[in-house]
C-alpha atoms as a PDB file:
ATOM      1  CA  UNK A   1       0.126   0.051   0.003  1.00  0.00           C
ATOM      2  CA  UNK A   2       1.334   3.366  -1.039  1.00  0.00           C
ATOM      3  CA  UNK A   3       2.303   5.840   1.655  1.00  0.00           C
ATOM      4  CA  UNK A   4      -0.050   8.960   1.656  1.00  0.00           C
ATOM      5  CA  UNK A   5       2.763  11.397   1.793  1.00  0.00           C
ATOM      6  CA  UNK A   6       0.707  14.603   1.328  1.00  0.00           C
ATOM      7  CA  UNK A   7      -1.823  13.436   3.904  1.00  0.00           C
ATOM      8  CA  UNK A   8       0.836  12.603   6.354  1.00  0.00           C
ATOM      9  CA  UNK A   9       2.561  16.078   5.696  1.00  0.00           C
ATOM     10  CA  UNK A  10      -0.772  17.819   6.273  1.00  0.00           C
ATOM     11  CA  UNK A  11      -1.320  15.945   9.613  1.00  0.00           C
ATOM     12  CA  UNK A  12       1.817  16.835  10.658  1.00  0.00           C
ATOM     13  CA  UNK A  13       1.727  20.510   9.953  1.00  0.00           C
ATOM     14  CA  UNK A  14      -1.850  20.666  11.580  1.00  0.00           C
ATOM     15  CA  UNK A  15      -0.529  19.140  14.655  1.00  0.00           C
ATOM     16  CA  UNK A  16       2.419  21.668  14.805  1.00  0.00           C
ATOM     17  CA  UNK A  17       0.139  24.678  14.165  1.00  0.00           C
ATOM     18  CA  UNK A  18      -1.920  23.598  17.221  1.00  0.00           C
ATOM     19  CA  UNK A  19       1.248  22.896  19.478  1.00  0.00           C
ATOM     20  CA  UNK A  20       3.288  25.921  18.121  1.00  0.00           C
ATOM     21  CA  UNK A  21       0.154  28.152  18.832  1.00  0.00           C
ATOM     22  CA  UNK A  22      -0.442  26.705  22.324  1.00  0.00           C
ATOM     23  CA  UNK A  23       3.130  26.402  23.534  1.00  0.00           C
ATOM     24  CA  UNK A  24       5.302  28.351  21.269  1.00  0.00           C
ATOM     25  CA  UNK A  25       8.484  26.772  19.270  1.00  0.00           C
ATOM     26  CA  UNK A  26      10.659  26.717  22.734  1.00  0.00           C
ATOM     27  CA  UNK A  27       7.531  24.842  24.878  1.00  0.00           C
ATOM     28  CA  UNK A  28       6.861  21.931  22.678  1.00  0.00           C
ATOM     29  CA  UNK A  29       8.987  19.539  21.136  1.00  0.00           C
ATOM     30  CA  UNK A  30       9.117  17.470  17.953  1.00  0.00           C
ATOM     31  CA  UNK A  31       7.914  14.338  19.888  1.00  0.00           C
ATOM     32  CA  UNK A  32       4.922  16.051  20.912  1.00  0.00           C
ATOM     33  CA  UNK A  33       4.093  17.235  17.629  1.00  0.00           C
ATOM     34  CA  UNK A  34       4.432  13.649  16.170  1.00  0.00           C
ATOM     35  CA  UNK A  35       2.425  12.322  18.783  1.00  0.00           C
ATOM     36  CA  UNK A  36      -0.423  14.720  18.227  1.00  0.00           C
ATOM     37  CA  UNK A  37      -0.233  13.509  14.587  1.00  0.00           C
ATOM     38  CA  UNK A  38      -0.066  10.186  15.539  1.00  0.00           C
ATOM     39  CA  UNK A  39       3.195   9.629  13.172  1.00  0.00           C
ATOM     40  CA  UNK A  40       6.458   8.685  14.181  1.00  0.00           C
ATOM     41  CA  UNK A  41       8.899  11.376  15.011  1.00  0.00           C
ATOM     42  CA  UNK A  42      11.390  10.281  12.153  1.00  0.00           C
ATOM     43  CA  UNK A  43       9.207  10.967   9.454  1.00  0.00           C
ATOM     44  CA  UNK A  44       8.524  14.489  11.072  1.00  0.00           C
ATOM     45  CA  UNK A  45      12.173  15.183  10.686  1.00  0.00           C
ATOM     46  CA  UNK A  46      12.372  13.707   7.173  1.00  0.00           C
ATOM     47  CA  UNK A  47       9.689  16.083   6.008  1.00  0.00           C
ATOM     48  CA  UNK A  48      10.452  19.233   7.684  1.00  0.00           C
ATOM     49  CA  UNK A  49      13.920  19.041   9.172  1.00  0.00           C
ATOM     50  CA  UNK A  50      14.378  20.651  12.585  1.00  0.00           C
ATOM     51  CA  UNK A  51      11.832  22.133  14.754  1.00  0.00           C
ATOM     52  CA  UNK A  52      12.890  25.739  13.830  1.00  0.00           C
ATOM     53  CA  UNK A  53      12.470  24.686  10.214  1.00  0.00           C
ATOM     54  CA  UNK A  54       8.871  23.359  10.925  1.00  0.00           C
ATOM     55  CA  UNK A  55       8.062  26.526  12.925  1.00  0.00           C
ATOM     56  CA  UNK A  56       8.959  28.758   9.973  1.00  0.00           C
ATOM     57  CA  UNK A  57       6.810  26.366   7.535  1.00  0.00           C
ATOM     58  CA  UNK A  58       3.646  26.457   9.660  1.00  0.00           C
ATOM     59  CA  UNK A  59       3.815  30.403  10.014  1.00  0.00           C
ATOM     60  CA  UNK A  60       4.685  31.159   6.518  1.00  0.00           C
ATOM     61  CA  UNK A  61       1.919  28.772   5.261  1.00  0.00           C
ATOM     62  CA  UNK A  62      -0.962  30.477   7.803  1.00  0.00           C
ATOM     63  CA  UNK A  63       0.258  33.907   6.565  1.00  0.00           C
ATOM     64  CA  UNK A  64      -0.409  32.635   2.963  1.00  0.00           C
ATOM     65  CA  UNK A  65      -3.700  31.586   3.970  1.00  0.00           C
ATOM     66  CA  UNK A  66      -4.755  34.958   5.396  1.00  0.00           C
ATOM     67  CA  UNK A  67      -3.372  36.806   2.201  1.00  0.00           C
ATOM     68  CA  UNK A  68      -5.299  34.573  -0.050  1.00  0.00           C
ATOM     69  CA  UNK A  69      -8.425  34.569   2.020  1.00  0.00           C
ATOM     70  CA  UNK A  70      -8.664  38.389   2.745  1.00  0.00           C
ATOM     71  CA  UNK A  71      -6.854  39.773  -0.447  1.00  0.00           C
ATOM     72  CA  UNK A  72      -5.909  43.485  -1.172  1.00  0.00           C
ATOM     73  CA  UNK A  73      -8.416  46.172  -0.326  1.00  0.00           C
ATOM     74  CA  UNK A  74     -10.791  46.703  -2.928  1.00  0.00           C
ATOM     75  CA  UNK A  75     -11.241  49.752  -5.034  1.00  0.00           C
ATOM     76  CA  UNK A  76      -7.601  51.081  -3.978  1.00  0.00           C
ATOM     77  CA  UNK A  77      -8.522  51.675  -0.190  1.00  0.00           C
ATOM     78  CA  UNK A  78     -12.028  53.367  -1.091  1.00  0.00           C
ATOM     79  CA  UNK A  79     -13.512  50.989   1.483  1.00  0.00           C
ATOM     80  CA  UNK A  80     -10.657  50.415   3.724  1.00  0.00           C
ATOM     81  CA  UNK A  81     -12.816  49.826   6.862  1.00  0.00           C
ATOM     82  CA  UNK A  82     -14.588  46.945   5.541  1.00  0.00           C
ATOM     83  CA  UNK A  83     -11.145  45.574   4.599  1.00  0.00           C
ATOM     84  CA  UNK A  84      -9.962  45.663   7.876  1.00  0.00           C
ATOM     85  CA  UNK A  85     -13.489  44.155   9.038  1.00  0.00           C
ATOM     86  CA  UNK A  86     -12.775  41.044   6.953  1.00  0.00           C
ATOM     87  CA  UNK A  87      -9.256  40.775   8.426  1.00  0.00           C
ATOM     88  CA  UNK A  88     -10.761  41.082  12.049  1.00  0.00           C
ATOM     89  CA  UNK A  89     -13.167  38.283  10.957  1.00  0.00           C
ATOM     90  CA  UNK A  90     -10.302  36.077   9.772  1.00  0.00           C
ATOM     91  CA  UNK A  91      -8.368  36.645  12.863  1.00  0.00           C
ATOM     92  CA  UNK A  92     -11.310  35.633  15.211  1.00  0.00           C
ATOM     93  CA  UNK A  93     -12.041  32.600  13.217  1.00  0.00           C
ATOM     94  CA  UNK A  94      -8.089  31.734  13.141  1.00  0.00           C
ATOM     95  CA  UNK A  95      -6.688  32.948  16.501  1.00  0.00           C
ATOM     96  CA  UNK A  96      -3.772  30.634  16.211  1.00  0.00           C
ATOM     97  CA  UNK A  97      -2.170  33.073  13.736  1.00  0.00           C
ATOM     98  CA  UNK A  98      -2.023  35.686  15.952  1.00  0.00           C
ATOM     99  CA  UNK A  99      -0.494  33.627  18.609  1.00  0.00           C
ATOM    100  CA  UNK A 100       1.854  32.105  16.326  1.00  0.00           C
ATOM    101  CA  UNK A 101       3.145  35.830  15.494  1.00  0.00           C
ATOM    102  CA  UNK A 102       3.204  36.491  19.075  1.00  0.00           C
ATOM    103  CA  UNK A 103       5.408  33.372  19.908  1.00  0.00           C
ATOM    104  CA  UNK A 104       7.639  34.461  17.081  1.00  0.00           C
ATOM    105  CA  UNK A 105       8.283  37.738  18.353  1.00  0.00           C
ATOM    106  CA  UNK A 106       8.699  36.520  22.069  1.00  0.00           C
ATOM    107  CA  UNK A 107      11.332  33.611  20.778  1.00  0.00           C
ATOM    108  CA  UNK A 108      13.542  36.613  19.451  1.00  0.00           C
ATOM    109  CA  UNK A 109      15.238  34.324  17.205  1.00  0.00           C
ATOM    110  CA  UNK A 110      15.041  33.985  13.246  1.00  0.00           C
ATOM    111  CA  UNK A 111      11.961  35.493  11.596  1.00  0.00           C
ATOM    112  CA  UNK A 112      10.339  33.090   9.411  1.00  0.00           C
ATOM    113  CA  UNK A 113      10.725  33.955   5.804  1.00  0.00           C
ATOM    114  CA  UNK A 114      11.894  37.481   6.591  1.00  0.00           C
ATOM    115  CA  UNK A 115      12.731  38.525   3.216  1.00  0.00           C
ATOM    116  CA  UNK A 116       9.586  37.694   1.281  1.00  0.00           C
ATOM    117  CA  UNK A 117       7.659  39.005   4.239  1.00  0.00           C
ATOM    118  CA  UNK A 118       9.526  42.097   4.465  1.00  0.00           C
ATOM    119  CA  UNK A 119       8.922  42.552   0.489  1.00  0.00           C
ATOM    120  CA  UNK A 120       5.034  42.039   0.974  1.00  0.00           C
ATOM    121  CA  UNK A 121       4.853  44.719   3.831  1.00  0.00           C
ATOM    122  CA  UNK A 122       7.002  47.018   1.899  1.00  0.00           C
ATOM    123  CA  UNK A 123       4.768  46.582  -1.194  1.00  0.00           C
ATOM    124  CA  UNK A 124       1.714  47.191   1.280  1.00  0.00           C
ATOM    125  CA  UNK A 125       3.196  50.412   2.386  1.00  0.00           C
ATOM    126  CA  UNK A 126       3.795  51.662  -1.103  1.00  0.00           C
ATOM    127  CA  UNK A 127      -0.018  50.914  -1.783  1.00  0.00           C
ATOM    128  CA  UNK A 128      -1.010  52.906   1.272  1.00  0.00           C
ATOM    129  CA  UNK A 129       1.452  55.711   0.180  1.00  0.00           C
ATOM    130  CA  UNK A 130      -0.285  55.727  -3.223  1.00  0.00           C
ATOM    131  CA  UNK A 131      -3.653  55.998  -1.901  1.00  0.00           C
ATOM    132  CA  UNK A 132      -2.559  58.862   0.494  1.00  0.00           C
ATOM    133  CA  UNK A 133      -1.133  60.572  -2.706  1.00  0.00           C
ATOM    134  CA  UNK A 134      -4.462  60.001  -4.722  1.00  0.00           C
ATOM    135  CA  UNK A 135      -6.376  61.844  -1.748  1.00  0.00           C
ATOM    136  CA  UNK A 136      -8.144  58.419  -0.761  1.00  0.00           C
ATOM    137  CA  UNK A 137      -6.255  58.094   2.480  1.00  0.00           C
ATOM    138  CA  UNK A 138      -5.316  60.573   4.887  1.00  0.00           C
ATOM    139  CA  UNK A 139      -1.591  61.580   4.886  1.00  0.00           C
ATOM    140  CA  UNK A 140      -1.278  62.838   8.403  1.00  0.00           C
ATOM    141  CA  UNK A 141       0.285  59.581   9.361  1.00  0.00           C
ATOM    142  CA  UNK A 142       3.487  57.993   7.507  1.00  0.00           C
ATOM    143  CA  UNK A 143       2.252  55.114   5.451  1.00  0.00           C
ATOM    144  CA  UNK A 144       4.236  52.354   7.354  1.00  0.00           C
ATOM    145  CA  UNK A 145       2.766  53.439  10.563  1.00  0.00           C
ATOM    146  CA  UNK A 146      -0.701  53.566   9.153  1.00  0.00           C
ATOM    147  CA  UNK A 147      -0.341  50.138   7.831  1.00  0.00           C
ATOM    148  CA  UNK A 148       1.011  48.728  10.992  1.00  0.00           C
ATOM    149  CA  UNK A 149      -1.869  50.441  13.210  1.00  0.00           C
ATOM    150  CA  UNK A 150      -4.620  49.062  10.890  1.00  0.00           C
ATOM    151  CA  UNK A 151      -3.059  45.448  11.478  1.00  0.00           C
ATOM    152  CA  UNK A 152      -3.167  46.090  15.191  1.00  0.00           C
ATOM    153  CA  UNK A 153      -6.569  47.145  15.097  1.00  0.00           C
ATOM    154  CA  UNK A 154      -7.769  44.203  13.085  1.00  0.00           C
ATOM    155  CA  UNK A 155      -5.691  41.801  15.341  1.00  0.00           C
ATOM    156  CA  UNK A 156      -5.583  43.141  18.883  1.00  0.00           C
ATOM    157  CA  UNK A 157      -8.735  41.759  20.224  1.00  0.00           C
ATOM    158  CA  UNK A 158      -7.401  38.238  19.474  1.00  0.00           C
ATOM    159  CA  UNK A 159      -4.272  39.133  20.747  1.00  0.00           C
ATOM    160  CA  UNK A 160      -5.244  39.865  24.169  1.00  0.00           C
ATOM    161  CA  UNK A 161      -8.705  37.966  24.566  1.00  0.00           C
ATOM    162  CA  UNK A 162      -8.361  38.334  28.456  1.00  0.00           C
ATOM    163  CA  UNK A 163      -8.026  41.971  28.253  1.00  0.00           C
ATOM    164  CA  UNK A 164     -11.020  42.271  25.969  1.00  0.00           C
ATOM    165  CA  UNK A 165     -13.086  40.116  28.204  1.00  0.00           C
ATOM    166  CA  UNK A 166     -12.229  42.273  31.147  1.00  0.00           C
ATOM    167  CA  UNK A 167     -12.993  45.737  29.379  1.00  0.00           C
ATOM    168  CA  UNK A 168     -16.445  44.343  27.689  1.00  0.00           C
ATOM    169  CA  UNK A 169     -17.606  41.742  30.285  1.00  0.00           C
ATOM    170  CA  UNK A 170     -17.826  39.256  27.081  1.00  0.00           C
ATOM    171  CA  UNK A 171     -15.758  37.162  25.021  1.00  0.00           C
ATOM    172  CA  UNK A 172     -16.061  36.454  21.084  1.00  0.00           C
ATOM    173  CA  UNK A 173     -18.103  33.558  21.393  1.00  0.00           C
ATOM    174  CA  UNK A 174     -20.961  36.267  22.152  1.00  0.00           C
ATOM    175  CA  UNK A 175     -22.376  36.788  18.542  1.00  0.00           C
ATOM    176  CA  UNK A 176     -23.532  40.268  19.759  1.00  0.00           C
ATOM    177  CA  UNK A 177     -20.284  41.305  21.254  1.00  0.00           C
ATOM    178  CA  UNK A 178     -18.430  39.864  18.017  1.00  0.00           C
ATOM    179  CA  UNK A 179     -20.516  42.354  15.990  1.00  0.00           C
ATOM    180  CA  UNK A 180     -19.890  45.127  18.271  1.00  0.00           C
ATOM    181  CA  UNK A 181     -16.197  44.767  18.124  1.00  0.00           C
ATOM    182  CA  UNK A 182     -16.158  44.473  14.377  1.00  0.00           C
ATOM    183  CA  UNK A 183     -18.210  47.507  13.880  1.00  0.00           C
ATOM    184  CA  UNK A 184     -15.663  49.548  16.101  1.00  0.00           C
ATOM    185  CA  UNK A 185     -12.519  48.238  14.259  1.00  0.00           C
ATOM    186  CA  UNK A 186     -14.441  49.409  10.909  1.00  0.00           C
ATOM    187  CA  UNK A 187     -15.377  52.834  12.229  1.00  0.00           C
ATOM    188  CA  UNK A 188     -12.111  53.160  14.149  1.00  0.00           C
ATOM    189  CA  UNK A 189     -10.150  52.586  10.883  1.00  0.00           C
ATOM    190  CA  UNK A 190     -12.280  54.627   8.642  1.00  0.00           C
ATOM    191  CA  UNK A 191     -11.723  57.545  11.124  1.00  0.00           C
ATOM    192  CA  UNK A 192      -8.104  57.006  11.337  1.00  0.00           C
ATOM    193  CA  UNK A 193      -7.189  56.540   7.613  1.00  0.00           C
ATOM    194  CA  UNK A 194      -9.862  58.355   5.722  1.00  0.00           C
ATOM    195  CA  UNK A 195      -8.932  61.987   4.767  1.00  0.00           C
ATOM    196  CA  UNK A 196     -10.911  65.149   6.769  1.00  0.00           C
ATOM    197  CA  UNK A 197     -13.934  65.911   4.468  1.00  0.00           C
ATOM    198  CA  UNK A 198     -14.611  62.529   3.473  1.00  0.00           C
ATOM    199  CA  UNK A 199     -17.277  60.336   5.132  1.00  0.00           C
ATOM    200  CA  UNK A 200     -15.798  58.499   7.912  1.00  0.00           C
ATOM    201  CA  UNK A 201     -18.724  56.309   8.964  1.00  0.00           C
END
């Protein structure tokens, strides 16, 4: 019987995603990941190399899923609020991505796929700058700072869920609270990013 290589790789990556999100790269082991996947550790090493390489693979894949699912802002940032609303929805549905990013920062080690990611964010910054020059976005903030703030607004609810719960008295499993948080994120970004005199509702 032929070995299902792709199925095995998928199960190992799924197990690694859960382990890394829960414990961080320093808090788990290749043995734990293999045990969670129900596959021997040797196969894990064979497919992905060492633990750092596996973490980088997992995080890179998860960031790619975000980019493919949400996509660039429609209409050259004309509706930046709704774009950030969709980012918020994605992070709420996939909280492990924010946890992976936080663990990466806390670990202080190599950054997964840094050159490609930096190029992606530089392209994003240039797009913000172009929208500012066109008068679509307010140019009061430097475009790189604006991009960072927009990312933060869409992800911070998931980054500190205990703080969100203490402030609001509810968590994101409450559908009414989810809608309230999303609406606040959309309005905040519109007010932050849209030029004075343009409808920021």
